[in-house]
Structures are given as C-alpha cells and as structure tokens.
Amino acid sequence: MFFGNGAYGIEAAAQTYYGKTAKMLN
C-alpha cells in the first residue's frame, strides 16, 4: 500500500514518518 510522501509499503512508511523499522511501530 501507498502511505503518502513517496512511501510505498509499511517499512518505507515507518522510515519516512518515524525513522524506524516497521517492526518497531507502537
């Protein structure tokens, strides 16, 4: 999925918005 701001997929989204991996999202 597309998460905005050029990020496709949850891993890119986690890095784009929070600077962390998808596994570390709270």
ModelCIF file with pLDDT and N, C-alpha, C, O atoms, coordinates in Angstrom:
data_MODEL
#
_entry.id   MODEL 
#
_entity.id                         1 
_entity.type                       polymer 
_entity.pdbx_number_of_molecules   1 
#
_entity_poly.entity_id                      1 
_entity_poly.type                           'polypeptide(L)' 
_entity_poly.nstd_linkage                   no 
_entity_poly.nstd_monomer                   no 
_entity_poly.pdbx_seq_one_letter_code       MFFGNGAYGIEAAAQTYYGKTAKMLN 
_entity_poly.pdbx_seq_one_letter_code_can   MFFGNGAYGIEAAAQTYYGKTAKMLN 
_entity_poly.pdbx_strand_id                 A 
#
loop_
_entity_poly_seq.entity_id 
_entity_poly_seq.num 
_entity_poly_seq.mon_id 
_entity_poly_seq.hetero 
1 1  MET n 
1 2  PHE n 
1 3  PHE n 
1 4  GLY n 
1 5  ASN n 
1 6  GLY n 
1 7  ALA n 
1 8  TYR n 
1 9  GLY n 
1 10 ILE n 
1 11 GLU n 
1 12 ALA n 
1 13 ALA n 
1 14 ALA n 
1 15 GLN n 
1 16 THR n 
1 17 TYR n 
1 18 TYR n 
1 19 GLY n 
1 20 LYS n 
1 21 THR n 
1 22 ALA n 
1 23 LYS n 
1 24 MET n 
1 25 LEU n 
1 26 ASN n 
#
_struct_asym.id          A 
_struct_asym.entity_id   1 
#
loop_
_ma_qa_metric.id 
_ma_qa_metric.mode 
_ma_qa_metric.name 
_ma_qa_metric.software_group_id 
_ma_qa_metric.type 
1 global pLDDT . pLDDT 
2 local  pLDDT . pLDDT 
#
_ma_qa_metric_global.metric_id      1 
_ma_qa_metric_global.metric_value   96.69 
_ma_qa_metric_global.model_id       1 
_ma_qa_metric_global.ordinal_id     1 
#
loop_
_ma_qa_metric_local.label_asym_id 
_ma_qa_metric_local.label_comp_id 
_ma_qa_metric_local.label_seq_id 
_ma_qa_metric_local.metric_id 
_ma_qa_metric_local.metric_value 
_ma_qa_metric_local.model_id 
_ma_qa_metric_local.ordinal_id 
A MET 1  2 96.00 1 1  
A PHE 2  2 96.00 1 2  
A PHE 3  2 97.00 1 3  
A GLY 4  2 95.00 1 4  
A ASN 5  2 96.00 1 5  
A GLY 6  2 94.00 1 6  
A ALA 7  2 96.00 1 7  
A TYR 8  2 96.00 1 8  
A GLY 9  2 96.00 1 9  
A ILE 10 2 97.00 1 10 
A GLU 11 2 97.00 1 11 
A ALA 12 2 96.00 1 12 
A ALA 13 2 97.00 1 13 
A ALA 14 2 98.00 1 14 
A GLN 15 2 97.00 1 15 
A THR 16 2 97.00 1 16 
A TYR 17 2 98.00 1 17 
A TYR 18 2 97.00 1 18 
A GLY 19 2 96.00 1 19 
A LYS 20 2 97.00 1 20 
A THR 21 2 97.00 1 21 
A ALA 22 2 97.00 1 22 
A LYS 23 2 97.00 1 23 
A MET 24 2 98.00 1 24 
A LEU 25 2 98.00 1 25 
A ASN 26 2 98.00 1 26 
#
loop_
_atom_site.group_PDB 
_atom_site.id 
_atom_site.type_symbol 
_atom_site.label_atom_id 
_atom_site.label_alt_id 
_atom_site.label_comp_id 
_atom_site.label_asym_id 
_atom_site.label_entity_id 
_atom_site.label_seq_id 
_atom_site.pdbx_PDB_ins_code 
_atom_site.Cartn_x 
_atom_site.Cartn_y 
_atom_site.Cartn_z 
_atom_site.occupancy 
_atom_site.B_iso_or_equiv 
_atom_site.pdbx_formal_charge 
_atom_site.auth_seq_id 
_atom_site.auth_comp_id 
_atom_site.auth_asym_id 
_atom_site.auth_atom_id 
_atom_site.pdbx_PDB_model_num 
ATOM 1   N N  . MET A 1 1  ? 0.795  -1.227 0.000  1.00 96.00 ? 1  MET A N  1 
ATOM 2   C CA . MET A 1 1  ? 0.000  0.000  0.000  1.00 96.00 ? 1  MET A CA 1 
ATOM 3   C C  . MET A 1 1  ? 0.830  1.281  0.000  1.00 96.00 ? 1  MET A C  1 
ATOM 4   O O  . MET A 1 1  ? 1.981  1.302  0.437  1.00 96.00 ? 1  MET A O  1 
ATOM 5   N N  . PHE A 1 2  ? 0.197  2.369  -0.514 1.00 96.00 ? 2  PHE A N  1 
ATOM 6   C CA . PHE A 1 2  ? 0.822  3.694  -0.559 1.00 96.00 ? 2  PHE A CA 1 
ATOM 7   C C  . PHE A 1 2  ? 0.425  4.475  0.681  1.00 96.00 ? 2  PHE A C  1 
ATOM 8   O O  . PHE A 1 2  ? -0.761 4.592  0.993  1.00 96.00 ? 2  PHE A O  1 
ATOM 9   N N  . PHE A 1 3  ? 1.421  5.015  1.398  1.00 97.00 ? 3  PHE A N  1 
ATOM 10  C CA . PHE A 1 3  ? 1.199  5.725  2.654  1.00 97.00 ? 3  PHE A CA 1 
ATOM 11  C C  . PHE A 1 3  ? 1.457  7.230  2.551  1.00 97.00 ? 3  PHE A C  1 
ATOM 12  O O  . PHE A 1 3  ? 1.544  7.910  3.573  1.00 97.00 ? 3  PHE A O  1 
ATOM 13  N N  . GLY A 1 4  ? 1.580  7.751  1.345  1.00 95.00 ? 4  GLY A N  1 
ATOM 14  C CA . GLY A 1 4  ? 1.840  9.174  1.195  1.00 95.00 ? 4  GLY A CA 1 
ATOM 15  C C  . GLY A 1 4  ? 3.309  9.528  1.297  1.00 95.00 ? 4  GLY A C  1 
ATOM 16  O O  . GLY A 1 4  ? 4.122  8.717  1.742  1.00 95.00 ? 4  GLY A O  1 
ATOM 17  N N  . ASN A 1 5  ? 3.651  10.745 0.883  1.00 96.00 ? 5  ASN A N  1 
ATOM 18  C CA . ASN A 1 5  ? 5.028  11.250 0.938  1.00 96.00 ? 5  ASN A CA 1 
ATOM 19  C C  . ASN A 1 5  ? 6.037  10.286 0.312  1.00 96.00 ? 5  ASN A C  1 
ATOM 20  O O  . ASN A 1 5  ? 7.152  10.120 0.809  1.00 96.00 ? 5  ASN A O  1 
ATOM 21  N N  . GLY A 1 6  ? 5.626  9.662  -0.778 1.00 94.00 ? 6  GLY A N  1 
ATOM 22  C CA . GLY A 1 6  ? 6.520  8.807  -1.548 1.00 94.00 ? 6  GLY A CA 1 
ATOM 23  C C  . GLY A 1 6  ? 6.765  7.437  -0.957 1.00 94.00 ? 6  GLY A C  1 
ATOM 24  O O  . GLY A 1 6  ? 7.598  6.693  -1.475 1.00 94.00 ? 6  GLY A O  1 
ATOM 25  N N  . ALA A 1 7  ? 6.062  7.072  0.120  1.00 96.00 ? 7  ALA A N  1 
ATOM 26  C CA . ALA A 1 7  ? 6.326  5.807  0.808  1.00 96.00 ? 7  ALA A CA 1 
ATOM 27  C C  . ALA A 1 7  ? 5.334  4.730  0.375  1.00 96.00 ? 7  ALA A C  1 
ATOM 28  O O  . ALA A 1 7  ? 4.126  4.870  0.568  1.00 96.00 ? 7  ALA A O  1 
ATOM 29  N N  . TYR A 1 8  ? 5.854  3.666  -0.209 1.00 96.00 ? 8  TYR A N  1 
ATOM 30  C CA . TYR A 1 8  ? 5.052  2.503  -0.567 1.00 96.00 ? 8  TYR A CA 1 
ATOM 31  C C  . TYR A 1 8  ? 5.430  1.358  0.361  1.00 96.00 ? 8  TYR A C  1 
ATOM 32  O O  . TYR A 1 8  ? 6.598  0.982  0.451  1.00 96.00 ? 8  TYR A O  1 
ATOM 33  N N  . GLY A 1 9  ? 4.448  0.814  1.042  1.00 96.00 ? 9  GLY A N  1 
ATOM 34  C CA . GLY A 1 9  ? 4.717  -0.279 1.968  1.00 96.00 ? 9  GLY A CA 1 
ATOM 35  C C  . GLY A 1 9  ? 4.992  0.242  3.368  1.00 96.00 ? 9  GLY A C  1 
ATOM 36  O O  . GLY A 1 9  ? 5.456  1.368  3.549  1.00 96.00 ? 9  GLY A O  1 
ATOM 37  N N  . ILE A 1 10 ? 4.700  -0.593 4.350  1.00 97.00 ? 10 ILE A N  1 
ATOM 38  C CA . ILE A 1 10 ? 4.790  -0.203 5.749  1.00 97.00 ? 10 ILE A CA 1 
ATOM 39  C C  . ILE A 1 10 ? 6.225  0.073  6.196  1.00 97.00 ? 10 ILE A C  1 
ATOM 40  O O  . ILE A 1 10 ? 6.443  0.922  7.061  1.00 97.00 ? 10 ILE A O  1 
ATOM 41  N N  . GLU A 1 11 ? 7.201  -0.622 5.626  1.00 97.00 ? 11 GLU A N  1 
ATOM 42  C CA . GLU A 1 11 ? 8.595  -0.385 6.023  1.00 97.00 ? 11 GLU A CA 1 
ATOM 43  C C  . GLU A 1 11 ? 9.043  1.009  5.600  1.00 97.00 ? 11 GLU A C  1 
ATOM 44  O O  . GLU A 1 11 ? 9.623  1.742  6.402  1.00 97.00 ? 11 GLU A O  1 
ATOM 45  N N  . ALA A 1 12 ? 8.781  1.381  4.348  1.00 96.00 ? 12 ALA A N  1 
ATOM 46  C CA . ALA A 1 12 ? 9.131  2.719  3.875  1.00 96.00 ? 12 ALA A CA 1 
ATOM 47  C C  . ALA A 1 12 ? 8.359  3.779  4.655  1.00 96.00 ? 12 ALA A C  1 
ATOM 48  O O  . ALA A 1 12 ? 8.896  4.847  4.948  1.00 96.00 ? 12 ALA A O  1 
ATOM 49  N N  . ALA A 1 13 ? 7.095  3.489  4.994  1.00 97.00 ? 13 ALA A N  1 
ATOM 50  C CA . ALA A 1 13 ? 6.284  4.443  5.749  1.00 97.00 ? 13 ALA A CA 1 
ATOM 51  C C  . ALA A 1 13 ? 6.863  4.668  7.144  1.00 97.00 ? 13 ALA A C  1 
ATOM 52  O O  . ALA A 1 13 ? 6.951  5.806  7.604  1.00 97.00 ? 13 ALA A O  1 
ATOM 53  N N  . ALA A 1 14 ? 7.257  3.588  7.816  1.00 98.00 ? 14 ALA A N  1 
ATOM 54  C CA . ALA A 1 14 ? 7.835  3.704  9.153  1.00 98.00 ? 14 ALA A CA 1 
ATOM 55  C C  . ALA A 1 14 ? 9.110  4.541  9.119  1.00 98.00 ? 14 ALA A C  1 
ATOM 56  O O  . ALA A 1 14 ? 9.348  5.353  10.013 1.00 98.00 ? 14 ALA A O  1 
ATOM 57  N N  . GLN A 1 15 ? 9.928  4.341  8.085  1.00 97.00 ? 15 GLN A N  1 
ATOM 58  C CA . GLN A 1 15 ? 11.161 5.111  7.941  1.00 97.00 ? 15 GLN A CA 1 
ATOM 59  C C  . GLN A 1 15 ? 10.865 6.563  7.598  1.00 97.00 ? 15 GLN A C  1 
ATOM 60  O O  . GLN A 1 15 ? 11.518 7.474  8.107  1.00 97.00 ? 15 GLN A O  1 
ATOM 61  N N  . THR A 1 16 ? 9.869  6.779  6.723  1.00 97.00 ? 16 THR A N  1 
ATOM 62  C CA . THR A 1 16 ? 9.559  8.131  6.251  1.00 97.00 ? 16 THR A CA 1 
ATOM 63  C C  . THR A 1 16 ? 9.008  9.013  7.363  1.00 97.00 ? 16 THR A C  1 
ATOM 64  O O  . THR A 1 16 ? 9.383  10.181 7.469  1.00 97.00 ? 16 THR A O  1 
ATOM 65  N N  . TYR A 1 17 ? 8.126  8.470  8.192  1.00 98.00 ? 17 TYR A N  1 
ATOM 66  C CA . TYR A 1 17 ? 7.450  9.279  9.205  1.00 98.00 ? 17 TYR A CA 1 
ATOM 67  C C  . TYR A 1 17 ? 8.096  9.211  10.583 1.00 98.00 ? 17 TYR A C  1 
ATOM 68  O O  . TYR A 1 17 ? 7.996  10.155 11.367 1.00 98.00 ? 17 TYR A O  1 
ATOM 69  N N  . TYR A 1 18 ? 8.761  8.088  10.880 1.00 97.00 ? 18 TYR A N  1 
ATOM 70  C CA . TYR A 1 18 ? 9.294  7.904  12.232 1.00 97.00 ? 18 TYR A CA 1 
ATOM 71  C C  . TYR A 1 18 ? 10.778 7.555  12.288 1.00 97.00 ? 18 TYR A C  1 
ATOM 72  O O  . TYR A 1 18 ? 11.362 7.540  13.371 1.00 97.00 ? 18 TYR A O  1 
ATOM 73  N N  . GLY A 1 19 ? 11.393 7.277  11.151 1.00 96.00 ? 19 GLY A N  1 
ATOM 74  C CA . GLY A 1 19 ? 12.807 6.929  11.153 1.00 96.00 ? 19 GLY A CA 1 
ATOM 75  C C  . GLY A 1 19 ? 13.093 5.619  11.860 1.00 96.00 ? 19 GLY A C  1 
ATOM 76  O O  . GLY A 1 19 ? 14.163 5.455  12.448 1.00 96.00 ? 19 GLY A O  1 
ATOM 77  N N  . LYS A 1 20 ? 12.147 4.677  11.813 1.00 97.00 ? 20 LYS A N  1 
ATOM 78  C CA . LYS A 1 20 ? 12.336 3.378  12.457 1.00 97.00 ? 20 LYS A CA 1 
ATOM 79  C C  . LYS A 1 20 ? 11.802 2.276  11.549 1.00 97.00 ? 20 LYS A C  1 
ATOM 80  O O  . LYS A 1 20 ? 11.196 2.554  10.514 1.00 97.00 ? 20 LYS A O  1 
ATOM 81  N N  . THR A 1 21 ? 12.026 1.040  11.937 1.00 97.00 ? 21 THR A N  1 
ATOM 82  C CA . THR A 1 21 ? 11.549 -0.081 11.139 1.00 97.00 ? 21 THR A CA 1 
ATOM 83  C C  . THR A 1 21 ? 10.079 -0.351 11.418 1.00 97.00 ? 21 THR A C  1 
ATOM 84  O O  . THR A 1 21 ? 9.538  0.086  12.434 1.00 97.00 ? 21 THR A O  1 
ATOM 85  N N  . ALA A 1 22 ? 9.443  -1.068 10.513 1.00 97.00 ? 22 ALA A N  1 
ATOM 86  C CA . ALA A 1 22 ? 8.026  -1.418 10.668 1.00 97.00 ? 22 ALA A CA 1 
ATOM 87  C C  . ALA A 1 22 ? 7.801  -2.292 11.897 1.00 97.00 ? 22 ALA A C  1 
ATOM 88  O O  . ALA A 1 22 ? 6.729  -2.257 12.501 1.00 97.00 ? 22 ALA A O  1 
ATOM 89  N N  . LYS A 1 23 ? 8.794  -3.062 12.259 1.00 97.00 ? 23 LYS A N  1 
ATOM 90  C CA . LYS A 1 23 ? 8.654  -3.965 13.398 1.00 97.00 ? 23 LYS A CA 1 
ATOM 91  C C  . LYS A 1 23 ? 8.571  -3.201 14.713 1.00 97.00 ? 23 LYS A C  1 
ATOM 92  O O  . LYS A 1 23 ? 8.015  -3.709 15.687 1.00 97.00 ? 23 LYS A O  1 
ATOM 93  N N  . MET A 1 24 ? 9.123  -1.973 14.753 1.00 98.00 ? 24 MET A N  1 
ATOM 94  C CA . MET A 1 24 ? 9.217  -1.211 15.994 1.00 98.00 ? 24 MET A CA 1 
ATOM 95  C C  . MET A 1 24 ? 8.057  -0.237 16.205 1.00 98.00 ? 24 MET A C  1 
ATOM 96  O O  . MET A 1 24 ? 8.049  0.485  17.202 1.00 98.00 ? 24 MET A O  1 
ATOM 97  N N  . LEU A 1 25 ? 7.086  -0.196 15.303 1.00 98.00 ? 25 LEU A N  1 
ATOM 98  C CA . LEU A 1 25 ? 5.968  0.742  15.432 1.00 98.00 ? 25 LEU A CA 1 
ATOM 99  C C  . LEU A 1 25 ? 5.122  0.417  16.666 1.00 98.00 ? 25 LEU A C  1 
ATOM 100 O O  . LEU A 1 25 ? 4.769  -0.739 16.902 1.00 98.00 ? 25 LEU A O  1 
ATOM 101 N N  . ASN A 1 26 ? 4.801  1.454  17.451 1.00 98.00 ? 26 ASN A N  1 
ATOM 102 C CA . ASN A 1 26 ? 3.957  1.239  18.631 1.00 98.00 ? 26 ASN A CA 1 
ATOM 103 C C  . ASN A 1 26 ? 2.488  1.472  18.288 1.00 98.00 ? 26 ASN A C  1 
ATOM 104 O O  . ASN A 1 26 ? 1.624  1.339  19.155 1.00 98.00 ? 26 ASN A O  1 
#
